[in-house]
Amino acid sequence: MKTLTQLHHYGFECSPPEFEFCPPPSLLSCVQLRSGQVKLFNLQVSLNFWQNADAIRWFCYRGGFTLQRRPKQHVVCLHHFERPMKFDRNLDGRTRREITAKGDIAFLPADVPAMLRPVRDDPQRVLSFSYLVFEPSYLAEFASSSGIGRPLDFIPRFATPDPLLHQITAALTSAPRINDPAANLFIETLFNAACARILHNYAEVRYPLSGPPRLTDDQLRAAIDYIHDHIREPLELRSISRAAGLSEFHFARLFKAATGDTPFQFVTRTRMKRAKQLLRNTRLPIFEIAERVGYRKPSHFSARFHAVSGCSPDTYRRSAER
C-alpha cells in the first residue's frame, strides 16, 4: 500500500502528527475545520486487510476519529470504487447486502450501531473511499443558526447515490492546494454546504431551513465594507457573516444571490481589483502589493493574478504605463 506522505489541514500544509494505525490503511489526506469539529479523510485500504479484520477500527490519528461499531460522530462514508463491490452492512440492527459503487454514500449517525463486511472478492483489490465526519455539537450549532428546531433525529442510510456530496468532497480534497488567502472561505462554504445537505436529506427536523429571503442593502453594504476594511487579513466566512448579522449558511447563499459571486470569488476579485489599482498608480514593489492585498507569498499572488487577469503583475504594470 502507499505510505502516508502528508496531512492537509484547513488552509495549510504540515507534517503529520504521531499516527497509529492497527493495521494501517493508507491515509491520503485530511482536511479539517474548527479545531477538528469537521473532518474529511481520504483513504485507501486493501480488501485483504478488510476481510481479515474482526471489526473495522481505523485510528486515523491520536485523539482523532475512530470508525468502530458505534461511532461517536456523525459519519458520511463516500465510496469511490471504480468497480461495484458487495458488502454486508448492519445499521441499527438491520442488515442488508449492498452492491455499491462510485458515487454512493452511507450515513452513520452518532451512537448508532454499525458494521460493514465485504463479500469475498479479489483479496488484492485496493478500495478508495472517504469519511466526512461531524461532531454532533457542530451539526446542532449549524442547525440552530440556520433556523432549524430541535430535536434532530438523524436517519441511518444504507448505500445510496449522492452525487452532490461527492462533488463537495472532491472540491474539499483539492482545497488545500489553493494558494490563496481566501482558501479558508472556500473550505468553510463547502463544509456548510455538506452540513445543509445532511440536514436536508438525512435528518428529521421539527422545522425546515428558514431565513431571510434576501440580503438587505444595509447587510450587503456591511459585508462588503468589512471585506474592504480587512482585505489584508485572512478573511473567514464567520467574520464576514457576523458583520452582516446572519448565520454563515444563510449569508453564503444570500450573498451569492445578491452579487452573483460566492464569498470566495468576491474576495478574490476584490483583491485583484485593489492590486491593479496599486500597480497602475504606485511604484510599490510586487511583494508589497501582494502583502497589501492579503498574500503572504508573492509567488501565490502572482499565480492568482495571472489566473484572473491572464498576465503577470509586471506585464500588467508595463501595459498600464503605455
C-alpha atoms as a PDB file:
ATOM      1  CA  MET A   1       0.000   0.000   0.000  1.00  0.00           C
ATOM      2  CA  LYS A   2       1.034   3.583  -0.388  1.00  0.00           C
ATOM      3  CA  THR A   3       2.757   5.182   2.548  1.00  0.00           C
ATOM      4  CA  LEU A   4       1.426   8.262   4.292  1.00  0.00           C
ATOM      5  CA  THR A   5       3.134  11.347   2.942  1.00  0.00           C
ATOM      6  CA  GLN A   6       1.352  14.473   4.052  1.00  0.00           C
ATOM      7  CA  LEU A   7      -1.627  15.675   6.078  1.00  0.00           C
ATOM      8  CA  HIS A   8      -3.614  18.647   4.807  1.00  0.00           C
ATOM      9  CA  HIS A   9      -5.116  20.886   7.472  1.00  0.00           C
ATOM     10  CA  TYR A  10      -7.662  23.604   6.815  1.00  0.00           C
ATOM     11  CA  GLY A  11      -5.887  26.112   4.628  1.00  0.00           C
ATOM     12  CA  PHE A  12      -2.287  24.973   5.120  1.00  0.00           C
ATOM     13  CA  GLU A  13       0.034  22.008   4.947  1.00  0.00           C
ATOM     14  CA  CYS A  14       2.097  20.430   7.683  1.00  0.00           C
ATOM     15  CA  SER A  15       3.894  17.255   8.591  1.00  0.00           C
ATOM     16  CA  PRO A  16       1.634  14.601  10.125  1.00  0.00           C
ATOM     17  CA  PRO A  17       1.433  14.244  13.906  1.00  0.00           C
ATOM     18  CA  GLU A  18       2.077  10.909  15.561  1.00  0.00           C
ATOM     19  CA  PHE A  19      -0.071   8.360  13.736  1.00  0.00           C
ATOM     20  CA  GLU A  20      -1.122   4.974  14.961  1.00  0.00           C
ATOM     21  CA  PHE A  21      -2.995   2.577  12.725  1.00  0.00           C
ATOM     22  CA  CYS A  22      -3.847  -1.002  13.566  1.00  0.00           C
ATOM     23  CA  PRO A  23      -3.141  -2.333  10.980  1.00  0.00           C
ATOM     24  CA  PRO A  24      -2.614   0.628   8.685  1.00  0.00           C
ATOM     25  CA  PRO A  25      -4.787   1.618   5.791  1.00  0.00           C
ATOM     26  CA  SER A  26      -3.301   4.491   3.817  1.00  0.00           C
ATOM     27  CA  LEU A  27      -4.495   7.957   4.843  1.00  0.00           C
ATOM     28  CA  LEU A  28      -4.002  10.003   1.697  1.00  0.00           C
ATOM     29  CA  SER A  29      -5.142  13.358   3.040  1.00  0.00           C
ATOM     30  CA  CYS A  30      -7.229  15.085   5.676  1.00  0.00           C
ATOM     31  CA  VAL A  31      -8.972  18.447   5.652  1.00  0.00           C
ATOM     32  CA  GLN A  32     -10.422  19.768   8.891  1.00  0.00           C
ATOM     33  CA  LEU A  33     -12.281  22.809  10.186  1.00  0.00           C
ATOM     34  CA  ARG A  34     -12.851  24.452  13.551  1.00  0.00           C
ATOM     35  CA  SER A  35     -10.253  22.543  15.574  1.00  0.00           C
ATOM     36  CA  GLY A  36     -11.338  19.222  14.151  1.00  0.00           C
ATOM     37  CA  GLN A  37     -15.097  19.569  14.630  1.00  0.00           C
ATOM     38  CA  VAL A  38     -15.474  18.643  10.967  1.00  0.00           C
ATOM     39  CA  LYS A  39     -13.022  16.420   9.106  1.00  0.00           C
ATOM     40  CA  LEU A  40     -12.677  14.844   5.694  1.00  0.00           C
ATOM     41  CA  PHE A  41     -10.448  11.758   5.496  1.00  0.00           C
ATOM     42  CA  ASN A  42      -9.442  10.297   2.127  1.00  0.00           C
ATOM     43  CA  LEU A  43      -8.200   6.723   2.446  1.00  0.00           C
ATOM     44  CA  GLN A  44      -7.277   3.515   0.663  1.00  0.00           C
ATOM     45  CA  VAL A  45      -7.344   0.002   2.100  1.00  0.00           C
ATOM     46  CA  SER A  46      -6.637  -3.452   0.723  1.00  0.00           C
ATOM     47  CA  LEU A  47      -9.557  -5.840   0.637  1.00  0.00           C
ATOM     48  CA  ASN A  48      -7.320  -8.492   2.172  1.00  0.00           C
ATOM     49  CA  PHE A  49      -6.943  -6.417   5.360  1.00  0.00           C
ATOM     50  CA  TRP A  50     -10.635  -5.598   5.461  1.00  0.00           C
ATOM     51  CA  GLN A  51     -11.715  -9.227   5.154  1.00  0.00           C
ATOM     52  CA  ASN A  52      -9.389 -10.396   7.915  1.00  0.00           C
ATOM     53  CA  ALA A  53     -10.297  -7.660  10.399  1.00  0.00           C
ATOM     54  CA  ASP A  54     -12.551  -8.702  13.281  1.00  0.00           C
ATOM     55  CA  ALA A  55     -14.090  -5.228  13.212  1.00  0.00           C
ATOM     56  CA  ILE A  56     -13.305  -2.080  11.324  1.00  0.00           C
ATOM     57  CA  ARG A  57     -11.325   0.042  13.751  1.00  0.00           C
ATOM     58  CA  TRP A  58      -9.130   2.575  11.977  1.00  0.00           C
ATOM     59  CA  PHE A  59      -7.386   5.078  14.199  1.00  0.00           C
ATOM     60  CA  CYS A  60      -6.751   7.971  11.857  1.00  0.00           C
ATOM     61  CA  TYR A  61      -4.624   9.795  14.386  1.00  0.00           C
ATOM     62  CA  ARG A  62      -4.201  10.091  18.113  1.00  0.00           C
ATOM     63  CA  GLY A  63      -7.147  11.972  19.551  1.00  0.00           C
ATOM     64  CA  GLY A  64      -8.910  11.932  16.192  1.00  0.00           C
ATOM     65  CA  PHE A  65     -11.642   9.904  14.559  1.00  0.00           C
ATOM     66  CA  THR A  66     -12.147   6.188  15.061  1.00  0.00           C
ATOM     67  CA  LEU A  67     -14.588   4.239  12.931  1.00  0.00           C
ATOM     68  CA  GLN A  68     -15.855   1.428  15.106  1.00  0.00           C
ATOM     69  CA  ARG A  69     -19.052  -0.443  15.925  1.00  0.00           C
ATOM     70  CA  ARG A  70     -20.738   2.612  17.478  1.00  0.00           C
ATOM     71  CA  PRO A  71     -19.207   5.876  16.189  1.00  0.00           C
ATOM     72  CA  LYS A  72     -19.375   8.928  18.440  1.00  0.00           C
ATOM     73  CA  GLN A  73     -19.553  11.305  15.478  1.00  0.00           C
ATOM     74  CA  HIS A  74     -21.899  11.551  12.503  1.00  0.00           C
ATOM     75  CA  VAL A  75     -20.102   9.812   9.636  1.00  0.00           C
ATOM     76  CA  VAL A  76     -20.726  10.009   5.902  1.00  0.00           C
ATOM     77  CA  CYS A  77     -18.927   7.182   4.090  1.00  0.00           C
ATOM     78  CA  LEU A  78     -18.294   8.063   0.438  1.00  0.00           C
ATOM     79  CA  HIS A  79     -17.388   5.254  -1.961  1.00  0.00           C
ATOM     80  CA  HIS A  80     -15.004   5.825  -4.867  1.00  0.00           C
ATOM     81  CA  PHE A  81     -14.943   2.246  -6.161  1.00  0.00           C
ATOM     82  CA  GLU A  82     -14.418   2.037  -9.911  1.00  0.00           C
ATOM     83  CA  ARG A  83     -15.982  -1.456  -9.935  1.00  0.00           C
ATOM     84  CA  PRO A  84     -19.146  -2.312  -7.971  1.00  0.00           C
ATOM     85  CA  MET A  85     -18.473  -4.033  -4.661  1.00  0.00           C
ATOM     86  CA  LYS A  86     -20.654  -6.249  -2.465  1.00  0.00           C
ATOM     87  CA  PHE A  87     -20.907  -5.572   1.268  1.00  0.00           C
ATOM     88  CA  ASP A  88     -22.974  -6.857   4.143  1.00  0.00           C
ATOM     89  CA  ARG A  89     -23.824  -3.762   6.158  1.00  0.00           C
ATOM     90  CA  ASN A  90     -25.572  -3.682   9.529  1.00  0.00           C
ATOM     91  CA  LEU A  91     -27.080  -0.379  10.640  1.00  0.00           C
ATOM     92  CA  ASP A  92     -29.002  -0.022  13.876  1.00  0.00           C
ATOM     93  CA  GLY A  93     -29.858  -3.727  13.973  1.00  0.00           C
ATOM     94  CA  ARG A  94     -30.844  -4.022  10.302  1.00  0.00           C
ATOM     95  CA  THR A  95     -28.655  -5.976   7.867  1.00  0.00           C
ATOM     96  CA  ARG A  96     -28.613  -5.554   4.120  1.00  0.00           C
ATOM     97  CA  ARG A  97     -26.412  -6.845   1.311  1.00  0.00           C
ATOM     98  CA  GLU A  98     -25.361  -3.878  -0.793  1.00  0.00           C
ATOM     99  CA  ILE A  99     -23.856  -3.598  -4.235  1.00  0.00           C
ATOM    100  CA  THR A 100     -22.176  -0.240  -4.015  1.00  0.00           C
ATOM    101  CA  ALA A 101     -20.054   1.699  -6.477  1.00  0.00           C
ATOM    102  CA  LYS A 102     -18.520   5.099  -7.156  1.00  0.00           C
ATOM    103  CA  GLY A 103     -20.854   7.917  -6.179  1.00  0.00           C
ATOM    104  CA  ASP A 104     -22.658   6.061  -3.386  1.00  0.00           C
ATOM    105  CA  ILE A 105     -22.727   7.138   0.256  1.00  0.00           C
ATOM    106  CA  ALA A 106     -23.798   5.559   3.525  1.00  0.00           C
ATOM    107  CA  PHE A 107     -24.770   7.702   6.514  1.00  0.00           C
ATOM    108  CA  LEU A 108     -23.922   6.571  10.064  1.00  0.00           C
ATOM    109  CA  PRO A 109     -25.435   8.802  12.760  1.00  0.00           C
ATOM    110  CA  ALA A 110     -23.586   9.124  16.059  1.00  0.00           C
ATOM    111  CA  ASP A 111     -24.145   6.289  18.549  1.00  0.00           C
ATOM    112  CA  VAL A 112     -25.932   4.081  16.004  1.00  0.00           C
ATOM    113  CA  PRO A 113     -24.501   0.520  15.963  1.00  0.00           C
ATOM    114  CA  ALA A 114     -22.882  -0.195  12.603  1.00  0.00           C
ATOM    115  CA  MET A 115     -20.823  -2.915  10.971  1.00  0.00           C
ATOM    116  CA  LEU A 116     -19.571  -3.369   7.428  1.00  0.00           C
ATOM    117  CA  ARG A 117     -18.048  -6.531   5.930  1.00  0.00           C
ATOM    118  CA  PRO A 118     -17.075  -7.106   2.310  1.00  0.00           C
ATOM    119  CA  VAL A 119     -18.356 -10.162   0.482  1.00  0.00           C
ATOM    120  CA  ARG A 120     -15.355 -12.141  -0.772  1.00  0.00           C
ATOM    121  CA  ASP A 121     -13.754 -10.650  -3.852  1.00  0.00           C
ATOM    122  CA  ASP A 122     -10.234 -10.164  -5.188  1.00  0.00           C
ATOM    123  CA  PRO A 123      -8.161 -10.001  -1.949  1.00  0.00           C
ATOM    124  CA  GLN A 124      -5.532  -7.832  -3.662  1.00  0.00           C
ATOM    125  CA  ARG A 125      -8.069  -5.205  -4.616  1.00  0.00           C
ATOM    126  CA  VAL A 126      -7.485  -1.730  -3.173  1.00  0.00           C
ATOM    127  CA  LEU A 127     -10.557   0.327  -2.305  1.00  0.00           C
ATOM    128  CA  SER A 128     -10.644   4.131  -2.236  1.00  0.00           C
ATOM    129  CA  PHE A 129     -13.133   5.916  -0.042  1.00  0.00           C
ATOM    130  CA  SER A 130     -13.646   8.985   2.146  1.00  0.00           C
ATOM    131  CA  TYR A 131     -15.118   9.694   5.559  1.00  0.00           C
ATOM    132  CA  LEU A 132     -16.805  13.029   6.173  1.00  0.00           C
ATOM    133  CA  VAL A 133     -17.023  13.294   9.963  1.00  0.00           C
ATOM    134  CA  PHE A 134     -19.057  15.802  12.007  1.00  0.00           C
ATOM    135  CA  GLU A 135     -19.078  16.265  15.756  1.00  0.00           C
ATOM    136  CA  PRO A 136     -22.756  16.209  16.861  1.00  0.00           C
ATOM    137  CA  SER A 137     -22.349  19.593  18.558  1.00  0.00           C
ATOM    138  CA  TYR A 138     -21.208  21.165  15.286  1.00  0.00           C
ATOM    139  CA  LEU A 139     -24.257  19.998  13.343  1.00  0.00           C
ATOM    140  CA  ALA A 140     -26.528  21.032  16.222  1.00  0.00           C
ATOM    141  CA  GLU A 141     -24.991  24.527  16.236  1.00  0.00           C
ATOM    142  CA  PHE A 142     -25.264  24.766  12.464  1.00  0.00           C
ATOM    143  CA  ALA A 143     -28.905  23.685  12.582  1.00  0.00           C
ATOM    144  CA  SER A 144     -29.744  26.210  15.293  1.00  0.00           C
ATOM    145  CA  SER A 145     -28.068  29.080  13.422  1.00  0.00           C
ATOM    146  CA  SER A 146     -29.974  28.085  10.276  1.00  0.00           C
ATOM    147  CA  GLY A 147     -33.412  28.229  11.895  1.00  0.00           C
ATOM    148  CA  ILE A 148     -33.903  24.506  12.497  1.00  0.00           C
ATOM    149  CA  GLY A 149     -35.690  23.488  15.672  1.00  0.00           C
ATOM    150  CA  ARG A 150     -34.633  20.604  17.892  1.00  0.00           C
ATOM    151  CA  PRO A 151     -34.664  17.699  18.436  1.00  0.00           C
ATOM    152  CA  LEU A 152     -32.692  16.439  15.421  1.00  0.00           C
ATOM    153  CA  ASP A 153     -33.289  12.783  14.592  1.00  0.00           C
ATOM    154  CA  PHE A 154     -30.699  11.507  12.146  1.00  0.00           C
ATOM    155  CA  ILE A 155     -31.654   8.610   9.882  1.00  0.00           C
ATOM    156  CA  PRO A 156     -29.170   5.776   9.179  1.00  0.00           C
ATOM    157  CA  ARG A 157     -28.850   5.235   5.440  1.00  0.00           C
ATOM    158  CA  PHE A 158     -27.573   2.251   3.547  1.00  0.00           C
ATOM    159  CA  ALA A 159     -25.532   2.890   0.409  1.00  0.00           C
ATOM    160  CA  THR A 160     -27.346   5.197  -1.986  1.00  0.00           C
ATOM    161  CA  PRO A 161     -26.196   7.616  -4.728  1.00  0.00           C
ATOM    162  CA  ASP A 162     -25.495  11.194  -3.641  1.00  0.00           C
ATOM    163  CA  PRO A 163     -23.569  12.991  -6.413  1.00  0.00           C
ATOM    164  CA  LEU A 164     -23.731  16.373  -4.653  1.00  0.00           C
ATOM    165  CA  LEU A 165     -21.887  15.184  -1.529  1.00  0.00           C
ATOM    166  CA  HIS A 166     -19.265  13.556  -3.749  1.00  0.00           C
ATOM    167  CA  GLN A 167     -18.775  16.835  -5.629  1.00  0.00           C
ATOM    168  CA  ILE A 168     -18.398  18.694  -2.341  1.00  0.00           C
ATOM    169  CA  THR A 169     -15.792  16.261  -1.009  1.00  0.00           C
ATOM    170  CA  ALA A 170     -13.870  16.351  -4.300  1.00  0.00           C
ATOM    171  CA  ALA A 171     -13.682  20.145  -4.032  1.00  0.00           C
ATOM    172  CA  LEU A 172     -12.636  19.901  -0.356  1.00  0.00           C
ATOM    173  CA  THR A 173      -9.864  17.460  -1.270  1.00  0.00           C
ATOM    174  CA  SER A 174      -8.434  19.962  -3.757  1.00  0.00           C
ATOM    175  CA  ALA A 175      -8.898  22.974  -1.450  1.00  0.00           C
ATOM    176  CA  PRO A 176      -5.529  22.800   0.391  1.00  0.00           C
ATOM    177  CA  ARG A 177      -3.780  23.186  -2.966  1.00  0.00           C
ATOM    178  CA  ILE A 178      -5.367  26.613  -3.469  1.00  0.00           C
ATOM    179  CA  ASN A 179      -2.551  29.066  -2.794  1.00  0.00           C
ATOM    180  CA  ASP A 180      -4.824  31.914  -1.846  1.00  0.00           C
ATOM    181  CA  PRO A 181      -5.519  33.667   1.481  1.00  0.00           C
ATOM    182  CA  ALA A 182      -9.247  33.285   0.765  1.00  0.00           C
ATOM    183  CA  ALA A 183      -8.971  29.480   0.575  1.00  0.00           C
ATOM    184  CA  ASN A 184     -10.442  29.259   4.077  1.00  0.00           C
ATOM    185  CA  LEU A 185     -13.620  30.944   2.770  1.00  0.00           C
ATOM    186  CA  PHE A 186     -13.819  28.275   0.095  1.00  0.00           C
ATOM    187  CA  ILE A 187     -13.414  25.452   2.624  1.00  0.00           C
ATOM    188  CA  GLU A 188     -15.944  26.885   5.086  1.00  0.00           C
ATOM    189  CA  THR A 189     -18.523  27.329   2.335  1.00  0.00           C
ATOM    190  CA  LEU A 190     -18.071  23.731   1.207  1.00  0.00           C
ATOM    191  CA  PHE A 191     -18.378  22.297   4.708  1.00  0.00           C
ATOM    192  CA  ASN A 192     -21.524  24.373   5.263  1.00  0.00           C
ATOM    193  CA  ALA A 193     -22.963  23.033   2.007  1.00  0.00           C
ATOM    194  CA  ALA A 194     -22.266  19.491   3.243  1.00  0.00           C
ATOM    195  CA  CYS A 195     -23.976  20.272   6.560  1.00  0.00           C
ATOM    196  CA  ALA A 196     -27.045  21.638   4.786  1.00  0.00           C
ATOM    197  CA  ARG A 197     -27.191  18.549   2.577  1.00  0.00           C
ATOM    198  CA  ILE A 198     -27.064  16.219   5.582  1.00  0.00           C
ATOM    199  CA  LEU A 199     -29.762  18.140   7.461  1.00  0.00           C
ATOM    200  CA  HIS A 200     -31.964  18.219   4.372  1.00  0.00           C
ATOM    201  CA  ASN A 201     -31.576  14.563   3.334  1.00  0.00           C
ATOM    202  CA  TYR A 202     -30.588  12.601   6.435  1.00  0.00           C
ATOM    203  CA  ALA A 203     -32.402  14.194   9.366  1.00  0.00           C
ATOM    204  CA  GLU A 204     -35.962  14.525  10.582  1.00  0.00           C
ATOM    205  CA  VAL A 205     -36.323  18.050  11.937  1.00  0.00           C
ATOM    206  CA  ARG A 206     -39.069  19.931  13.721  1.00  0.00           C
ATOM    207  CA  TYR A 207     -38.795  22.975  11.474  1.00  0.00           C
ATOM    208  CA  PRO A 208     -37.361  23.293   7.969  1.00  0.00           C
ATOM    209  CA  LEU A 209     -34.476  25.542   6.966  1.00  0.00           C
ATOM    210  CA  SER A 210     -35.680  29.103   7.289  1.00  0.00           C
ATOM    211  CA  GLY A 211     -34.181  32.519   6.942  1.00  0.00           C
ATOM    212  CA  PRO A 212     -34.480  35.896   5.247  1.00  0.00           C
ATOM    213  CA  PRO A 213     -35.382  35.834   1.536  1.00  0.00           C
ATOM    214  CA  ARG A 214     -32.545  38.182   0.600  1.00  0.00           C
ATOM    215  CA  LEU A 215     -29.821  40.434   1.967  1.00  0.00           C
ATOM    216  CA  THR A 216     -30.977  43.919   2.780  1.00  0.00           C
ATOM    217  CA  ASP A 217     -28.982  46.799   1.307  1.00  0.00           C
ATOM    218  CA  ASP A 218     -27.530  47.504   4.759  1.00  0.00           C
ATOM    219  CA  GLN A 219     -26.482  43.876   5.261  1.00  0.00           C
ATOM    220  CA  LEU A 220     -24.829  43.695   1.859  1.00  0.00           C
ATOM    221  CA  ARG A 221     -23.025  47.002   2.411  1.00  0.00           C
ATOM    222  CA  ALA A 222     -21.853  45.901   5.871  1.00  0.00           C
ATOM    223  CA  ALA A 223     -20.404  42.692   4.433  1.00  0.00           C
ATOM    224  CA  ILE A 224     -18.673  44.451   1.535  1.00  0.00           C
ATOM    225  CA  ASP A 225     -17.304  47.184   3.810  1.00  0.00           C
ATOM    226  CA  TYR A 226     -15.923  44.510   6.150  1.00  0.00           C
ATOM    227  CA  ILE A 227     -14.190  42.788   3.226  1.00  0.00           C
ATOM    228  CA  HIS A 228     -12.639  46.055   2.026  1.00  0.00           C
ATOM    229  CA  ASP A 229     -11.529  47.048   5.532  1.00  0.00           C
ATOM    230  CA  HIS A 230      -9.878  43.657   6.197  1.00  0.00           C
ATOM    231  CA  ILE A 231      -8.570  42.850   2.733  1.00  0.00           C
ATOM    232  CA  ARG A 232      -5.018  42.408   4.075  1.00  0.00           C
ATOM    233  CA  GLU A 233      -6.169  39.721   6.519  1.00  0.00           C
ATOM    234  CA  PRO A 234      -7.095  36.033   6.076  1.00  0.00           C
ATOM    235  CA  LEU A 235     -10.837  36.595   5.828  1.00  0.00           C
ATOM    236  CA  GLU A 236     -13.206  33.935   7.186  1.00  0.00           C
ATOM    237  CA  LEU A 237     -16.836  33.277   6.395  1.00  0.00           C
ATOM    238  CA  ARG A 238     -17.810  33.513  10.074  1.00  0.00           C
ATOM    239  CA  SER A 239     -16.420  37.040  10.466  1.00  0.00           C
ATOM    240  CA  ILE A 240     -17.981  38.351   7.236  1.00  0.00           C
ATOM    241  CA  SER A 241     -21.385  36.830   8.001  1.00  0.00           C
ATOM    242  CA  ARG A 242     -21.288  38.294  11.511  1.00  0.00           C
ATOM    243  CA  ALA A 243     -20.698  41.731  10.019  1.00  0.00           C
ATOM    244  CA  ALA A 244     -23.959  41.227   8.107  1.00  0.00           C
ATOM    245  CA  GLY A 245     -25.740  39.841  11.181  1.00  0.00           C
ATOM    246  CA  LEU A 246     -26.508  36.437   9.638  1.00  0.00           C
ATOM    247  CA  SER A 247     -25.568  32.778  10.069  1.00  0.00           C
ATOM    248  CA  GLU A 248     -22.821  31.503   7.793  1.00  0.00           C
ATOM    249  CA  PHE A 249     -25.132  29.244   5.815  1.00  0.00           C
ATOM    250  CA  HIS A 250     -27.764  31.904   5.112  1.00  0.00           C
ATOM    251  CA  PHE A 251     -25.143  34.541   4.405  1.00  0.00           C
ATOM    252  CA  ALA A 252     -23.220  32.449   1.846  1.00  0.00           C
ATOM    253  CA  ARG A 253     -26.419  31.561  -0.006  1.00  0.00           C
ATOM    254  CA  LEU A 254     -27.875  35.094   0.023  1.00  0.00           C
ATOM    255  CA  PHE A 255     -24.561  36.780  -0.778  1.00  0.00           C
ATOM    256  CA  LYS A 256     -24.225  34.752  -3.976  1.00  0.00           C
ATOM    257  CA  ALA A 257     -27.821  35.579  -4.882  1.00  0.00           C
ATOM    258  CA  ALA A 258     -27.141  39.301  -4.347  1.00  0.00           C
ATOM    259  CA  THR A 259     -23.752  39.583  -6.053  1.00  0.00           C
ATOM    260  CA  GLY A 260     -23.501  36.608  -8.398  1.00  0.00           C
ATOM    261  CA  ASP A 261     -20.290  35.556  -6.624  1.00  0.00           C
ATOM    262  CA  THR A 262     -19.555  33.247  -3.738  1.00  0.00           C
ATOM    263  CA  PRO A 263     -17.746  34.983  -0.850  1.00  0.00           C
ATOM    264  CA  PHE A 264     -14.505  33.318  -2.026  1.00  0.00           C
ATOM    265  CA  GLN A 265     -14.946  34.615  -5.583  1.00  0.00           C
ATOM    266  CA  PHE A 266     -15.893  38.102  -4.406  1.00  0.00           C
ATOM    267  CA  VAL A 267     -12.918  38.408  -2.043  1.00  0.00           C
ATOM    268  CA  THR A 268     -10.515  37.196  -4.738  1.00  0.00           C
ATOM    269  CA  ARG A 269     -11.960  39.634  -7.279  1.00  0.00           C
ATOM    270  CA  THR A 270     -11.743  42.482  -4.757  1.00  0.00           C
ATOM    271  CA  ARG A 271      -8.098  41.668  -4.030  1.00  0.00           C
ATOM    272  CA  MET A 272      -7.228  41.623  -7.720  1.00  0.00           C
ATOM    273  CA  LYS A 273      -9.053  44.921  -8.318  1.00  0.00           C
ATOM    274  CA  ARG A 274      -7.114  46.549  -5.467  1.00  0.00           C
ATOM    275  CA  ALA A 275      -3.850  45.092  -6.797  1.00  0.00           C
ATOM    276  CA  LYS A 276      -4.484  46.524 -10.268  1.00  0.00           C
ATOM    277  CA  GLN A 277      -5.082  49.974  -8.781  1.00  0.00           C
ATOM    278  CA  LEU A 278      -1.790  49.774  -6.908  1.00  0.00           C
ATOM    279  CA  LEU A 279       0.060  48.505  -9.987  1.00  0.00           C
ATOM    280  CA  ARG A 280      -1.285  51.378 -12.096  1.00  0.00           C
ATOM    281  CA  ASN A 281      -0.978  54.214  -9.602  1.00  0.00           C
ATOM    282  CA  THR A 282       2.095  53.438  -7.496  1.00  0.00           C
ATOM    283  CA  ARG A 283       5.652  52.235  -7.862  1.00  0.00           C
ATOM    284  CA  LEU A 284       5.364  49.848  -4.932  1.00  0.00           C
ATOM    285  CA  PRO A 285       7.302  46.600  -5.420  1.00  0.00           C
ATOM    286  CA  ILE A 286       5.288  43.496  -6.206  1.00  0.00           C
ATOM    287  CA  PHE A 287       5.976  41.886  -2.838  1.00  0.00           C
ATOM    288  CA  GLU A 288       4.494  44.890  -1.010  1.00  0.00           C
ATOM    289  CA  ILE A 289       1.417  44.972  -3.229  1.00  0.00           C
ATOM    290  CA  ALA A 290       0.952  41.262  -2.542  1.00  0.00           C
ATOM    291  CA  GLU A 291       1.066  41.947   1.193  1.00  0.00           C
ATOM    292  CA  ARG A 292      -1.384  44.828   0.949  1.00  0.00           C
ATOM    293  CA  VAL A 293      -3.991  42.629  -0.712  1.00  0.00           C
ATOM    294  CA  GLY A 294      -3.576  39.729   1.697  1.00  0.00           C
ATOM    295  CA  TYR A 295      -0.947  37.450   0.150  1.00  0.00           C
ATOM    296  CA  ARG A 296       1.959  36.439   2.356  1.00  0.00           C
ATOM    297  CA  LYS A 297       3.877  34.903  -0.534  1.00  0.00           C
ATOM    298  CA  PRO A 298       4.437  36.999  -3.686  1.00  0.00           C
ATOM    299  CA  SER A 299       4.535  33.805  -5.747  1.00  0.00           C
ATOM    300  CA  HIS A 300       0.980  32.938  -4.670  1.00  0.00           C
ATOM    301  CA  PHE A 301      -0.147  36.468  -5.501  1.00  0.00           C
ATOM    302  CA  SER A 302       1.477  36.350  -8.944  1.00  0.00           C
ATOM    303  CA  ALA A 303      -0.061  32.975  -9.733  1.00  0.00           C
ATOM    304  CA  ARG A 304      -3.549  34.126  -8.716  1.00  0.00           C
ATOM    305  CA  PHE A 305      -3.158  37.437 -10.570  1.00  0.00           C
ATOM    306  CA  HIS A 306      -2.149  35.590 -13.743  1.00  0.00           C
ATOM    307  CA  ALA A 307      -5.082  33.169 -13.391  1.00  0.00           C
ATOM    308  CA  VAL A 308      -7.559  36.047 -13.039  1.00  0.00           C
ATOM    309  CA  SER A 309      -6.029  38.620 -15.406  1.00  0.00           C
ATOM    310  CA  GLY A 310      -4.234  36.470 -17.968  1.00  0.00           C
ATOM    311  CA  CYS A 311      -0.863  38.127 -17.392  1.00  0.00           C
ATOM    312  CA  SER A 312       1.723  38.635 -14.658  1.00  0.00           C
ATOM    313  CA  PRO A 313       1.649  41.707 -12.353  1.00  0.00           C
ATOM    314  CA  ASP A 314       4.815  43.059 -14.063  1.00  0.00           C
ATOM    315  CA  THR A 315       3.275  42.694 -17.508  1.00  0.00           C
ATOM    316  CA  TYR A 316       0.084  44.403 -16.355  1.00  0.00           C
ATOM    317  CA  ARG A 317       2.059  47.314 -14.898  1.00  0.00           C
ATOM    318  CA  ARG A 318       4.066  47.786 -18.095  1.00  0.00           C
ATOM    319  CA  SER A 319       0.941  47.725 -20.271  1.00  0.00           C
ATOM    320  CA  ALA A 320      -0.768  50.288 -17.974  1.00  0.00           C
ATOM    321  CA  GLU A 321       2.184  52.674 -18.426  1.00  0.00           C
ATOM    322  CA  ARG A 322       1.820  52.869 -22.196  1.00  0.00           C
END
